[in-house]
Amino acid sequence: MFLQGKKLLNLPVAAMATQSKVGTVRKILVDPQGGRLIGFLVQQGFLAPGRVLSHHDVVSYDPQGLVVNDPTNLLPIDDIVRAKEVMDQRIYILGMRAYTESGKFLGRVTDFVLSTDIAMVVKYHVVGILGLRILPAEKVVEISKKGVIFSDDVEEATVRGVAAEPA
């Protein structure tokens, strides 16, 4: 299944065991080394510290929310090392600047497409002066605090504001 990252934000998280809402998705945690989905930062209450939900613990992705088996699937941030590292570095893909390897500014990442089957980002939506570009994840060279760096050939593949896809 393919999901737009932006549509997952602010969705409720429900637990089957308690038949109740256990939190709200606040951030999507993606590993900058390879674009793998780590999980979600979930807020359980107004003043409660965020907890991490691993993508492995999501039973169902629904347009109305995420479903887990049990509230205990929401873990303290320190329990998932890679999630803590991403959060400490503040590398959240949505809103990041996008550049080519040669340093040309492409725009900002306004959304991305996740494949839940392989738990990876497969496409990035970048909006800049030339409009919307939908760029394949294979063209990402690096994700860092500076931004999402794409290979220089994405510039050549762009046609009418949307990246050309191979047939």
Foldseek 3Di string as FASTA:
>chain_A
DKDKPVLQFQAFEEAPVVRGTQFGFHAFDFQQVAQFTQFTFTDRDDPDHTFTAGLVQFPDDDSRHTYGHDSPSTHHQVVRPRSVVCVVQVQGQAQFWEAEPVGHTQAHFHIFMADSVRRGTAWTWGQDPLGTEIGGPVQFPTGHNNHTYGHPCQVVQDDSRYGHDDD
